[in-house]
Amino acid sequence: MNKHRFAALMTIGAYPMVVAILYFLPHSFMMQPHWIKGIVMVPIMVVWMFYVVSPAIQRYMASWIGLRSRSAS
């Protein structure tokens, strides 16, 4: 697997979620300390990356990042 390509695709997948979180969270929440924002944002990002971005990359970009298809193994 080409880890650099996979990392680039994960970054592209994470960017819209970060922007959406920052857009939809109320301004009063953004005034909180960083550790409180992290408690809220990290679980959202982990779920997004684990259940949405990573499976999409593995399904649609498998040949580009060098994954073998499941039928070949």
N, C-alpha and C. Protein backbone atom coordinates (compact mmCIF):
# COMPACT_ATOMS: atom_id res chain seq x y z
N MET A 1 0.85 -1.18 0.00
CA MET A 1 0.00 0.00 0.00
C MET A 1 0.89 1.24 0.00
N ASN A 2 0.53 2.19 -0.79
CA ASN A 2 1.24 3.45 -0.84
C ASN A 2 0.71 4.35 0.28
N LYS A 3 1.46 4.42 1.36
CA LYS A 3 1.00 5.15 2.55
C LYS A 3 0.90 6.65 2.32
N HIS A 4 1.73 7.18 1.45
CA HIS A 4 1.68 8.62 1.18
C HIS A 4 0.38 8.99 0.46
N ARG A 5 -0.02 8.17 -0.49
CA ARG A 5 -1.27 8.44 -1.18
C ARG A 5 -2.47 8.28 -0.24
N PHE A 6 -2.42 7.24 0.59
CA PHE A 6 -3.50 7.01 1.55
C PHE A 6 -3.59 8.18 2.53
N ALA A 7 -2.46 8.66 3.01
CA ALA A 7 -2.45 9.81 3.92
C ALA A 7 -3.01 11.06 3.25
N ALA A 8 -2.67 11.27 1.99
CA ALA A 8 -3.20 12.43 1.27
C ALA A 8 -4.72 12.33 1.13
N LEU A 9 -5.22 11.16 0.82
CA LEU A 9 -6.67 10.98 0.70
C LEU A 9 -7.37 11.13 2.05
N MET A 10 -6.74 10.67 3.13
CA MET A 10 -7.33 10.84 4.46
C MET A 10 -7.38 12.33 4.82
N THR A 11 -6.36 13.07 4.44
CA THR A 11 -6.35 14.51 4.70
C THR A 11 -7.47 15.20 3.93
N ILE A 12 -7.63 14.81 2.67
CA ILE A 12 -8.71 15.38 1.86
C ILE A 12 -10.07 15.03 2.46
N GLY A 13 -10.19 13.84 3.03
CA GLY A 13 -11.44 13.44 3.66
C GLY A 13 -11.69 14.12 5.00
N ALA A 14 -10.62 14.46 5.71
CA ALA A 14 -10.78 15.10 7.02
C ALA A 14 -11.12 16.58 6.89
N TYR A 15 -10.63 17.22 5.88
CA TYR A 15 -10.81 18.67 5.75
C TYR A 15 -12.27 19.11 5.77
N PRO A 16 -13.16 18.49 4.98
CA PRO A 16 -14.56 18.95 5.01
C PRO A 16 -15.20 18.76 6.38
N MET A 17 -14.81 17.71 7.09
CA MET A 17 -15.40 17.48 8.41
C MET A 17 -14.93 18.54 9.39
N VAL A 18 -13.68 18.91 9.36
CA VAL A 18 -13.17 19.96 10.25
C VAL A 18 -13.89 21.27 9.97
N VAL A 19 -14.03 21.61 8.71
CA VAL A 19 -14.71 22.85 8.34
C VAL A 19 -16.17 22.81 8.80
N ALA A 20 -16.83 21.67 8.61
CA ALA A 20 -18.23 21.55 9.02
C ALA A 20 -18.37 21.66 10.54
N ILE A 21 -17.48 21.03 11.28
CA ILE A 21 -17.54 21.13 12.75
C ILE A 21 -17.37 22.58 13.18
N LEU A 22 -16.38 23.25 12.62
CA LEU A 22 -16.14 24.63 13.00
C LEU A 22 -17.28 25.55 12.59
N TYR A 23 -17.95 25.23 11.49
CA TYR A 23 -19.06 26.06 11.01
C TYR A 23 -20.32 25.87 11.87
N PHE A 24 -20.63 24.63 12.21
CA PHE A 24 -21.89 24.35 12.88
C PHE A 24 -21.86 24.47 14.39
N LEU A 25 -20.68 24.45 14.99
CA LEU A 25 -20.63 24.62 16.44
C LEU A 25 -20.89 26.09 16.78
N PRO A 26 -21.61 26.33 17.86
CA PRO A 26 -21.92 27.73 18.21
C PRO A 26 -20.67 28.51 18.59
N HIS A 27 -20.74 29.80 18.38
CA HIS A 27 -19.60 30.67 18.68
C HIS A 27 -19.21 30.58 20.15
N SER A 28 -20.17 30.42 21.03
CA SER A 28 -19.86 30.32 22.47
C SER A 28 -19.01 29.09 22.76
N PHE A 29 -19.22 28.01 21.99
CA PHE A 29 -18.39 26.82 22.19
C PHE A 29 -16.96 27.07 21.74
N MET A 30 -16.80 27.85 20.70
CA MET A 30 -15.45 28.11 20.19
C MET A 30 -14.63 28.97 21.14
N MET A 31 -15.29 29.59 22.11
CA MET A 31 -14.58 30.40 23.10
C MET A 31 -14.05 29.54 24.25
N GLN A 32 -14.37 28.25 24.26
CA GLN A 32 -13.93 27.35 25.33
C GLN A 32 -12.43 27.04 25.17
N PRO A 33 -11.81 26.54 26.25
CA PRO A 33 -10.39 26.13 26.13
C PRO A 33 -10.22 25.02 25.09
N HIS A 34 -9.02 24.91 24.57
CA HIS A 34 -8.73 23.94 23.51
C HIS A 34 -9.03 22.51 23.95
N TRP A 35 -8.76 22.17 25.20
CA TRP A 35 -8.96 20.79 25.62
C TRP A 35 -10.45 20.43 25.63
N ILE A 36 -11.32 21.37 25.88
CA ILE A 36 -12.76 21.09 25.84
C ILE A 36 -13.21 20.92 24.39
N LYS A 37 -12.70 21.77 23.50
CA LYS A 37 -13.03 21.62 22.08
C LYS A 37 -12.54 20.27 21.56
N GLY A 38 -11.38 19.85 22.04
CA GLY A 38 -10.84 18.55 21.63
C GLY A 38 -11.69 17.39 22.08
N ILE A 39 -12.25 17.49 23.30
CA ILE A 39 -13.12 16.42 23.81
C ILE A 39 -14.33 16.22 22.90
N VAL A 40 -14.82 17.28 22.33
CA VAL A 40 -15.99 17.20 21.44
C VAL A 40 -15.58 16.83 20.02
N MET A 41 -14.53 17.44 19.52
CA MET A 41 -14.17 17.28 18.11
C MET A 41 -13.50 15.95 17.80
N VAL A 42 -12.68 15.44 18.69
CA VAL A 42 -11.93 14.21 18.40
C VAL A 42 -12.86 13.01 18.18
N PRO A 43 -13.83 12.75 19.05
CA PRO A 43 -14.71 11.60 18.76
C PRO A 43 -15.49 11.75 17.44
N ILE A 44 -15.91 12.95 17.12
CA ILE A 44 -16.61 13.17 15.85
C ILE A 44 -15.67 12.84 14.69
N MET A 45 -14.44 13.31 14.77
CA MET A 45 -13.48 13.07 13.70
C MET A 45 -13.11 11.59 13.58
N VAL A 46 -12.94 10.91 14.70
CA VAL A 46 -12.57 9.49 14.67
C VAL A 46 -13.68 8.68 14.01
N VAL A 47 -14.92 8.93 14.41
CA VAL A 47 -16.05 8.21 13.81
C VAL A 47 -16.13 8.50 12.32
N TRP A 48 -15.99 9.77 11.95
CA TRP A 48 -16.03 10.17 10.54
C TRP A 48 -14.94 9.45 9.74
N MET A 49 -13.73 9.46 10.25
CA MET A 49 -12.61 8.85 9.53
C MET A 49 -12.75 7.33 9.47
N PHE A 50 -13.19 6.72 10.56
CA PHE A 50 -13.24 5.26 10.65
C PHE A 50 -14.39 4.67 9.84
N TYR A 51 -15.57 5.30 9.90
CA TYR A 51 -16.74 4.72 9.26
C TYR A 51 -17.09 5.31 7.90
N VAL A 52 -16.54 6.47 7.56
CA VAL A 52 -16.91 7.09 6.29
C VAL A 52 -15.70 7.21 5.35
N VAL A 53 -14.68 7.91 5.78
CA VAL A 53 -13.56 8.23 4.88
C VAL A 53 -12.73 6.99 4.53
N SER A 54 -12.28 6.26 5.53
CA SER A 54 -11.43 5.11 5.27
C SER A 54 -12.12 4.05 4.41
N PRO A 55 -13.37 3.65 4.71
CA PRO A 55 -14.02 2.68 3.82
C PRO A 55 -14.21 3.20 2.39
N ALA A 56 -14.51 4.49 2.25
CA ALA A 56 -14.68 5.05 0.91
C ALA A 56 -13.36 5.00 0.14
N ILE A 57 -12.28 5.34 0.80
CA ILE A 57 -10.96 5.28 0.15
C ILE A 57 -10.65 3.84 -0.26
N GLN A 58 -10.88 2.91 0.65
CA GLN A 58 -10.56 1.51 0.35
C GLN A 58 -11.45 0.95 -0.76
N ARG A 59 -12.66 1.43 -0.87
CA ARG A 59 -13.57 0.93 -1.89
C ARG A 59 -13.29 1.56 -3.25
N TYR A 60 -13.16 2.88 -3.28
CA TYR A 60 -13.09 3.58 -4.57
C TYR A 60 -11.69 3.89 -5.05
N MET A 61 -10.72 3.89 -4.17
CA MET A 61 -9.35 4.25 -4.57
C MET A 61 -8.35 3.13 -4.31
N ALA A 62 -8.82 1.91 -4.14
CA ALA A 62 -7.96 0.79 -3.77
C ALA A 62 -6.83 0.58 -4.77
N SER A 63 -7.12 0.64 -6.03
CA SER A 63 -6.06 0.38 -7.02
C SER A 63 -5.03 1.50 -7.03
N TRP A 64 -5.46 2.74 -6.77
CA TRP A 64 -4.53 3.86 -6.79
C TRP A 64 -3.59 3.85 -5.59
N ILE A 65 -4.08 3.38 -4.44
CA ILE A 65 -3.20 3.32 -3.27
C ILE A 65 -2.51 1.98 -3.13
N GLY A 66 -2.80 1.05 -4.02
CA GLY A 66 -2.07 -0.21 -4.06
C GLY A 66 -2.63 -1.31 -3.18
N LEU A 67 -3.93 -1.28 -2.88
CA LEU A 67 -4.54 -2.36 -2.12
C LEU A 67 -4.95 -3.47 -3.07
N ARG A 68 -4.81 -4.69 -2.61
CA ARG A 68 -5.28 -5.83 -3.41
C ARG A 68 -6.80 -5.93 -3.20
N SER A 69 -7.50 -6.34 -4.21
CA SER A 69 -8.94 -6.53 -4.05
C SER A 69 -9.19 -7.74 -3.16
N ARG A 70 -10.35 -7.76 -2.51
CA ARG A 70 -10.67 -8.84 -1.58
C ARG A 70 -10.81 -10.18 -2.32
N SER A 71 -11.25 -10.16 -3.55
CA SER A 71 -11.42 -11.40 -4.29
C SER A 71 -10.08 -12.03 -4.68
N ALA A 72 -9.03 -11.22 -4.74
CA ALA A 72 -7.71 -11.73 -5.12
C ALA A 72 -6.99 -12.39 -3.97
N SER A 73 -7.40 -12.14 -2.73
CA SER A 73 -6.69 -12.74 -1.59
C SER A 73 -7.28 -14.02 -1.12
